[in-house]
Amino acid sequence: MKKSLFSSLVLALAVVATPVAAEDYVIDTKGAHASVQFKIKHLGYSWLYGRFNTFVGEFSYDEKQPNSAKISVTIDTASLDSNHAERDKHLRGSDFFDVKKYPRAKFVSTSYKEMGEKGELKGILTLRGVTKPVTIAVNQIGAGDDPWGGFRRGFAGSTTITLADFGFTYNLGPASREAEIMLSIEGIRK
């Protein structure tokens, strides 16, 4: 009886002590269920919106330990699209993104703090060869089974960067010194 009780206790402790592994997700860019967009004031009179059409990424998330979440996103800067061919050519050139010299931008998280459905994601953004810390305000959109037998989880977030901090020196006027970057991601559990 003692041996059986001891064995049961050891087994119970082993189950409790076993950490729950975070779930790994790949960002669904093939199904067009994710986006990386930006907006910047145009002369202080309106907003100019753009996006990056090509990017990849993955993240991990554990509902029991959400503060251990991690994400990595790599953007093809030449995929910039502001819905105007001539402007896009200028934005891809050396005055702005200089895509020949800096073909990729990358964000890698360093910490996450969840507060209910919202969170604060800190990480390192590399843009135009400059690496700086940024903080992204995050909203958890939802999670659940999809119609194809998989499981999905979605988040949206945004951050505002000062262009000069990342080597953008082209003078757009005082109203256009900052740009907002917005991410909307839907991940498919691996």
C-alpha atoms as a PDB file:
ATOM      1  CA  MET A   1       0.000   0.000   0.000  1.00  0.00           C
ATOM      2  CA  LYS A   2       2.817   2.423   0.946  1.00  0.00           C
ATOM      3  CA  LYS A   3       4.682   1.597  -2.264  1.00  0.00           C
ATOM      4  CA  SER A   4       1.549   2.176  -4.347  1.00  0.00           C
ATOM      5  CA  LEU A   5       0.829   5.493  -2.582  1.00  0.00           C
ATOM      6  CA  PHE A   6       4.451   6.607  -3.022  1.00  0.00           C
ATOM      7  CA  SER A   7       4.380   5.705  -6.740  1.00  0.00           C
ATOM      8  CA  SER A   8       1.139   7.648  -7.218  1.00  0.00           C
ATOM      9  CA  LEU A   9       2.586  10.671  -5.420  1.00  0.00           C
ATOM     10  CA  VAL A  10       5.771  10.612  -7.542  1.00  0.00           C
ATOM     11  CA  LEU A  11       3.694  10.326 -10.725  1.00  0.00           C
ATOM     12  CA  ALA A  12       1.428  13.220  -9.663  1.00  0.00           C
ATOM     13  CA  LEU A  13       4.427  15.425  -8.861  1.00  0.00           C
ATOM     14  CA  ALA A  14       6.031  14.591 -12.205  1.00  0.00           C
ATOM     15  CA  VAL A  15       2.866  15.624 -14.061  1.00  0.00           C
ATOM     16  CA  VAL A  16       2.584  18.895 -12.095  1.00  0.00           C
ATOM     17  CA  ALA A  17       6.288  19.701 -12.512  1.00  0.00           C
ATOM     18  CA  THR A  18       6.301  19.089 -16.268  1.00  0.00           C
ATOM     19  CA  PRO A  19       6.197  22.511 -17.936  1.00  0.00           C
ATOM     20  CA  VAL A  20       3.527  23.097 -20.537  1.00  0.00           C
ATOM     21  CA  ALA A  21       5.244  23.839 -23.815  1.00  0.00           C
ATOM     22  CA  ALA A  22       4.356  26.990 -25.688  1.00  0.00           C
ATOM     23  CA  GLU A  23       2.503  26.503 -28.937  1.00  0.00           C
ATOM     24  CA  ASP A  24       4.447  27.495 -32.050  1.00  0.00           C
ATOM     25  CA  TYR A  25       2.736  29.287 -34.932  1.00  0.00           C
ATOM     26  CA  VAL A  26       3.700  30.326 -38.435  1.00  0.00           C
ATOM     27  CA  ILE A  27       2.212  33.636 -39.580  1.00  0.00           C
ATOM     28  CA  ASP A  28      -0.309  33.009 -42.366  1.00  0.00           C
ATOM     29  CA  THR A  29       1.016  35.264 -45.111  1.00  0.00           C
ATOM     30  CA  LYS A  30       0.138  32.795 -47.889  1.00  0.00           C
ATOM     31  CA  GLY A  31      -3.561  32.966 -47.079  1.00  0.00           C
ATOM     32  CA  ALA A  32      -3.430  36.778 -46.870  1.00  0.00           C
ATOM     33  CA  HIS A  33      -4.499  36.687 -43.223  1.00  0.00           C
ATOM     34  CA  ALA A  34      -1.711  38.945 -42.014  1.00  0.00           C
ATOM     35  CA  SER A  35      -0.428  42.400 -42.873  1.00  0.00           C
ATOM     36  CA  VAL A  36       2.312  44.888 -42.092  1.00  0.00           C
ATOM     37  CA  GLN A  37       1.136  48.412 -42.818  1.00  0.00           C
ATOM     38  CA  PHE A  38       2.338  51.924 -42.101  1.00  0.00           C
ATOM     39  CA  LYS A  39       0.886  55.398 -42.078  1.00  0.00           C
ATOM     40  CA  ILE A  40       2.472  58.812 -42.072  1.00  0.00           C
ATOM     41  CA  LYS A  41       1.055  62.316 -42.316  1.00  0.00           C
ATOM     42  CA  HIS A  42       1.293  63.906 -45.745  1.00  0.00           C
ATOM     43  CA  LEU A  43       2.169  67.580 -45.206  1.00  0.00           C
ATOM     44  CA  GLY A  44       0.022  67.494 -42.084  1.00  0.00           C
ATOM     45  CA  TYR A  45      -3.162  67.476 -44.202  1.00  0.00           C
ATOM     46  CA  SER A  46      -3.926  63.780 -44.646  1.00  0.00           C
ATOM     47  CA  TRP A  47      -2.609  60.268 -44.022  1.00  0.00           C
ATOM     48  CA  LEU A  48      -0.512  58.317 -46.490  1.00  0.00           C
ATOM     49  CA  TYR A  49      -0.998  54.571 -46.009  1.00  0.00           C
ATOM     50  CA  GLY A  50       1.264  51.829 -47.286  1.00  0.00           C
ATOM     51  CA  ARG A  51       2.064  48.218 -46.702  1.00  0.00           C
ATOM     52  CA  PHE A  52       4.693  45.566 -47.256  1.00  0.00           C
ATOM     53  CA  ASN A  53       3.322  42.766 -49.418  1.00  0.00           C
ATOM     54  CA  THR A  54       6.008  40.183 -48.611  1.00  0.00           C
ATOM     55  CA  PHE A  55       7.048  39.129 -45.121  1.00  0.00           C
ATOM     56  CA  VAL A  56       7.432  35.978 -43.045  1.00  0.00           C
ATOM     57  CA  GLY A  57       7.320  35.269 -39.370  1.00  0.00           C
ATOM     58  CA  GLU A  58       6.533  32.962 -36.519  1.00  0.00           C
ATOM     59  CA  PHE A  59       5.587  33.233 -32.889  1.00  0.00           C
ATOM     60  CA  SER A  60       5.105  31.127 -29.802  1.00  0.00           C
ATOM     61  CA  TYR A  61       2.395  31.567 -27.198  1.00  0.00           C
ATOM     62  CA  ASP A  62       1.425  29.703 -24.043  1.00  0.00           C
ATOM     63  CA  GLU A  63      -1.986  30.544 -22.545  1.00  0.00           C
ATOM     64  CA  LYS A  64      -0.761  29.480 -19.097  1.00  0.00           C
ATOM     65  CA  GLN A  65       2.402  31.582 -19.340  1.00  0.00           C
ATOM     66  CA  PRO A  66       1.556  34.358 -21.836  1.00  0.00           C
ATOM     67  CA  ASN A  67       4.464  36.538 -20.715  1.00  0.00           C
ATOM     68  CA  SER A  68       6.834  34.011 -22.283  1.00  0.00           C
ATOM     69  CA  ALA A  69       5.462  34.757 -25.786  1.00  0.00           C
ATOM     70  CA  LYS A  70       7.969  35.411 -28.573  1.00  0.00           C
ATOM     71  CA  ILE A  71       7.734  36.635 -32.173  1.00  0.00           C
ATOM     72  CA  SER A  72      10.053  37.204 -35.112  1.00  0.00           C
ATOM     73  CA  VAL A  73       9.060  38.948 -38.371  1.00  0.00           C
ATOM     74  CA  THR A  74      11.236  39.563 -41.449  1.00  0.00           C
ATOM     75  CA  ILE A  75      10.018  42.020 -44.098  1.00  0.00           C
ATOM     76  CA  ASP A  76      11.076  42.284 -47.748  1.00  0.00           C
ATOM     77  CA  THR A  77      11.417  46.091 -48.007  1.00  0.00           C
ATOM     78  CA  ALA A  78      11.212  46.017 -51.829  1.00  0.00           C
ATOM     79  CA  SER A  79       7.620  44.775 -51.451  1.00  0.00           C
ATOM     80  CA  LEU A  80       6.600  48.269 -50.257  1.00  0.00           C
ATOM     81  CA  ASP A  81       3.261  49.290 -51.774  1.00  0.00           C
ATOM     82  CA  SER A  82       1.642  52.705 -51.277  1.00  0.00           C
ATOM     83  CA  ASN A  83      -0.765  52.274 -54.200  1.00  0.00           C
ATOM     84  CA  HIS A  84       1.176  54.727 -56.404  1.00  0.00           C
ATOM     85  CA  ALA A  85       3.945  53.375 -58.682  1.00  0.00           C
ATOM     86  CA  GLU A  86       6.045  56.565 -58.922  1.00  0.00           C
ATOM     87  CA  ARG A  87       5.898  57.211 -55.190  1.00  0.00           C
ATOM     88  CA  ASP A  88       6.798  53.568 -54.500  1.00  0.00           C
ATOM     89  CA  LYS A  89       9.858  53.905 -56.737  1.00  0.00           C
ATOM     90  CA  HIS A  90      10.952  56.959 -54.712  1.00  0.00           C
ATOM     91  CA  LEU A  91      10.228  55.258 -51.371  1.00  0.00           C
ATOM     92  CA  ARG A  92      12.299  52.219 -52.412  1.00  0.00           C
ATOM     93  CA  GLY A  93      15.225  54.466 -53.387  1.00  0.00           C
ATOM     94  CA  SER A  94      18.098  55.888 -51.345  1.00  0.00           C
ATOM     95  CA  ASP A  95      16.038  58.833 -50.000  1.00  0.00           C
ATOM     96  CA  PHE A  96      13.915  56.425 -47.989  1.00  0.00           C
ATOM     97  CA  PHE A  97      14.121  52.623 -47.626  1.00  0.00           C
ATOM     98  CA  ASP A  98      17.157  52.135 -49.927  1.00  0.00           C
ATOM     99  CA  VAL A  99      16.021  48.577 -50.642  1.00  0.00           C
ATOM    100  CA  LYS A 100      19.109  47.654 -52.667  1.00  0.00           C
ATOM    101  CA  LYS A 101      21.331  48.348 -49.665  1.00  0.00           C
ATOM    102  CA  TYR A 102      18.806  47.244 -47.007  1.00  0.00           C
ATOM    103  CA  PRO A 103      16.593  44.532 -48.546  1.00  0.00           C
ATOM    104  CA  ARG A 104      15.208  43.330 -45.207  1.00  0.00           C
ATOM    105  CA  ALA A 105      13.711  44.814 -42.082  1.00  0.00           C
ATOM    106  CA  LYS A 106      13.364  42.622 -39.015  1.00  0.00           C
ATOM    107  CA  PHE A 107      11.609  42.642 -35.661  1.00  0.00           C
ATOM    108  CA  VAL A 108      12.538  40.208 -32.884  1.00  0.00           C
ATOM    109  CA  SER A 109      10.769  40.351 -29.535  1.00  0.00           C
ATOM    110  CA  THR A 110      12.651  40.546 -26.256  1.00  0.00           C
ATOM    111  CA  SER A 111       9.718  40.475 -23.794  1.00  0.00           C
ATOM    112  CA  TYR A 112       5.944  40.408 -23.590  1.00  0.00           C
ATOM    113  CA  LYS A 113       3.626  41.520 -20.802  1.00  0.00           C
ATOM    114  CA  GLU A 114      -0.013  40.490 -21.127  1.00  0.00           C
ATOM    115  CA  MET A 115      -2.759  42.509 -19.455  1.00  0.00           C
ATOM    116  CA  GLY A 116      -6.037  40.756 -20.231  1.00  0.00           C
ATOM    117  CA  GLU A 117      -6.806  41.019 -23.947  1.00  0.00           C
ATOM    118  CA  LYS A 118      -4.072  43.636 -24.353  1.00  0.00           C
ATOM    119  CA  GLY A 119      -0.340  43.426 -24.022  1.00  0.00           C
ATOM    120  CA  GLU A 120       2.973  45.207 -24.398  1.00  0.00           C
ATOM    121  CA  LEU A 121       5.531  43.629 -26.704  1.00  0.00           C
ATOM    122  CA  LYS A 122       9.098  44.897 -26.534  1.00  0.00           C
ATOM    123  CA  GLY A 123      11.704  44.044 -29.086  1.00  0.00           C
ATOM    124  CA  ILE A 124      14.420  45.079 -31.471  1.00  0.00           C
ATOM    125  CA  LEU A 125      13.561  46.584 -34.866  1.00  0.00           C
ATOM    126  CA  THR A 126      16.218  46.670 -37.579  1.00  0.00           C
ATOM    127  CA  LEU A 127      15.349  49.082 -40.395  1.00  0.00           C
ATOM    128  CA  ARG A 128      17.753  50.698 -42.898  1.00  0.00           C
ATOM    129  CA  GLY A 129      20.614  48.954 -41.095  1.00  0.00           C
ATOM    130  CA  VAL A 130      19.775  50.653 -37.789  1.00  0.00           C
ATOM    131  CA  THR A 131      18.748  48.523 -34.803  1.00  0.00           C
ATOM    132  CA  LYS A 132      16.684  50.137 -32.045  1.00  0.00           C
ATOM    133  CA  PRO A 133      14.320  48.974 -29.294  1.00  0.00           C
ATOM    134  CA  VAL A 134      10.598  49.510 -29.898  1.00  0.00           C
ATOM    135  CA  THR A 135       7.441  48.802 -27.918  1.00  0.00           C
ATOM    136  CA  ILE A 136       4.313  47.499 -29.642  1.00  0.00           C
ATOM    137  CA  ALA A 137       0.874  47.872 -28.063  1.00  0.00           C
ATOM    138  CA  VAL A 138      -0.858  44.520 -28.679  1.00  0.00           C
ATOM    139  CA  ASN A 139      -4.500  43.418 -28.794  1.00  0.00           C
ATOM    140  CA  GLN A 140      -5.340  39.731 -28.741  1.00  0.00           C
ATOM    141  CA  ILE A 141      -7.995  39.153 -31.404  1.00  0.00           C
ATOM    142  CA  GLY A 142      -8.870  35.520 -30.744  1.00  0.00           C
ATOM    143  CA  ALA A 143      -7.951  31.858 -31.066  1.00  0.00           C
ATOM    144  CA  GLY A 144      -9.651  28.640 -32.061  1.00  0.00           C
ATOM    145  CA  ASP A 145     -10.131  25.822 -34.527  1.00  0.00           C
ATOM    146  CA  ASP A 146     -10.283  26.601 -38.231  1.00  0.00           C
ATOM    147  CA  PRO A 147     -12.481  24.805 -40.815  1.00  0.00           C
ATOM    148  CA  TRP A 148      -9.502  22.796 -42.143  1.00  0.00           C
ATOM    149  CA  GLY A 149      -8.639  20.951 -38.941  1.00  0.00           C
ATOM    150  CA  GLY A 150      -6.004  23.402 -37.723  1.00  0.00           C
ATOM    151  CA  PHE A 151      -5.814  25.881 -34.890  1.00  0.00           C
ATOM    152  CA  ARG A 152      -5.237  29.628 -35.306  1.00  0.00           C
ATOM    153  CA  ARG A 153      -4.409  32.560 -33.042  1.00  0.00           C
ATOM    154  CA  GLY A 154      -4.497  36.246 -33.966  1.00  0.00           C
ATOM    155  CA  PHE A 155      -3.076  39.512 -32.659  1.00  0.00           C
ATOM    156  CA  ALA A 156      -2.901  43.119 -33.826  1.00  0.00           C
ATOM    157  CA  GLY A 157      -0.401  45.715 -32.726  1.00  0.00           C
ATOM    158  CA  SER A 158       1.067  49.095 -33.505  1.00  0.00           C
ATOM    159  CA  THR A 159       4.059  51.246 -32.689  1.00  0.00           C
ATOM    160  CA  THR A 160       5.187  54.716 -33.666  1.00  0.00           C
ATOM    161  CA  ILE A 161       8.770  55.327 -34.741  1.00  0.00           C
ATOM    162  CA  THR A 162      10.699  58.535 -35.283  1.00  0.00           C
ATOM    163  CA  LEU A 163      12.053  58.329 -38.836  1.00  0.00           C
ATOM    164  CA  ALA A 164      15.378  60.045 -38.074  1.00  0.00           C
ATOM    165  CA  ASP A 165      16.111  57.361 -35.442  1.00  0.00           C
ATOM    166  CA  PHE A 166      16.295  54.809 -38.273  1.00  0.00           C
ATOM    167  CA  GLY A 167      18.355  56.889 -40.691  1.00  0.00           C
ATOM    168  CA  PHE A 168      15.559  58.473 -42.708  1.00  0.00           C
ATOM    169  CA  THR A 169      16.919  61.982 -43.391  1.00  0.00           C
ATOM    170  CA  TYR A 170      14.729  63.123 -46.282  1.00  0.00           C
ATOM    171  CA  ASN A 171      12.845  66.215 -45.072  1.00  0.00           C
ATOM    172  CA  LEU A 172       9.102  65.590 -45.225  1.00  0.00           C
ATOM    173  CA  GLY A 173       8.264  68.570 -43.018  1.00  0.00           C
ATOM    174  CA  PRO A 174       7.538  68.833 -39.296  1.00  0.00           C
ATOM    175  CA  ALA A 175       4.219  66.960 -39.469  1.00  0.00           C
ATOM    176  CA  SER A 176       5.880  63.876 -40.944  1.00  0.00           C
ATOM    177  CA  ARG A 177       8.684  63.074 -38.548  1.00  0.00           C
ATOM    178  CA  GLU A 178       7.007  59.940 -37.232  1.00  0.00           C
ATOM    179  CA  ALA A 179       5.344  56.927 -38.825  1.00  0.00           C
ATOM    180  CA  GLU A 180       3.013  54.373 -37.297  1.00  0.00           C
ATOM    181  CA  ILE A 181       3.647  50.706 -38.077  1.00  0.00           C
ATOM    182  CA  MET A 182       0.670  48.386 -37.728  1.00  0.00           C
ATOM    183  CA  LEU A 183       0.791  44.590 -37.668  1.00  0.00           C
ATOM    184  CA  SER A 184      -2.139  42.249 -37.938  1.00  0.00           C
ATOM    185  CA  ILE A 185      -1.130  38.603 -37.671  1.00  0.00           C
ATOM    186  CA  GLU A 186      -2.957  35.325 -37.782  1.00  0.00           C
ATOM    187  CA  GLY A 187      -0.826  32.350 -36.921  1.00  0.00           C
ATOM    188  CA  ILE A 188      -1.409  28.713 -37.819  1.00  0.00           C
ATOM    189  CA  ARG A 189      -0.284  26.332 -35.082  1.00  0.00           C
ATOM    190  CA  LYS A 190       2.523  24.069 -36.294  1.00  0.00           C
END
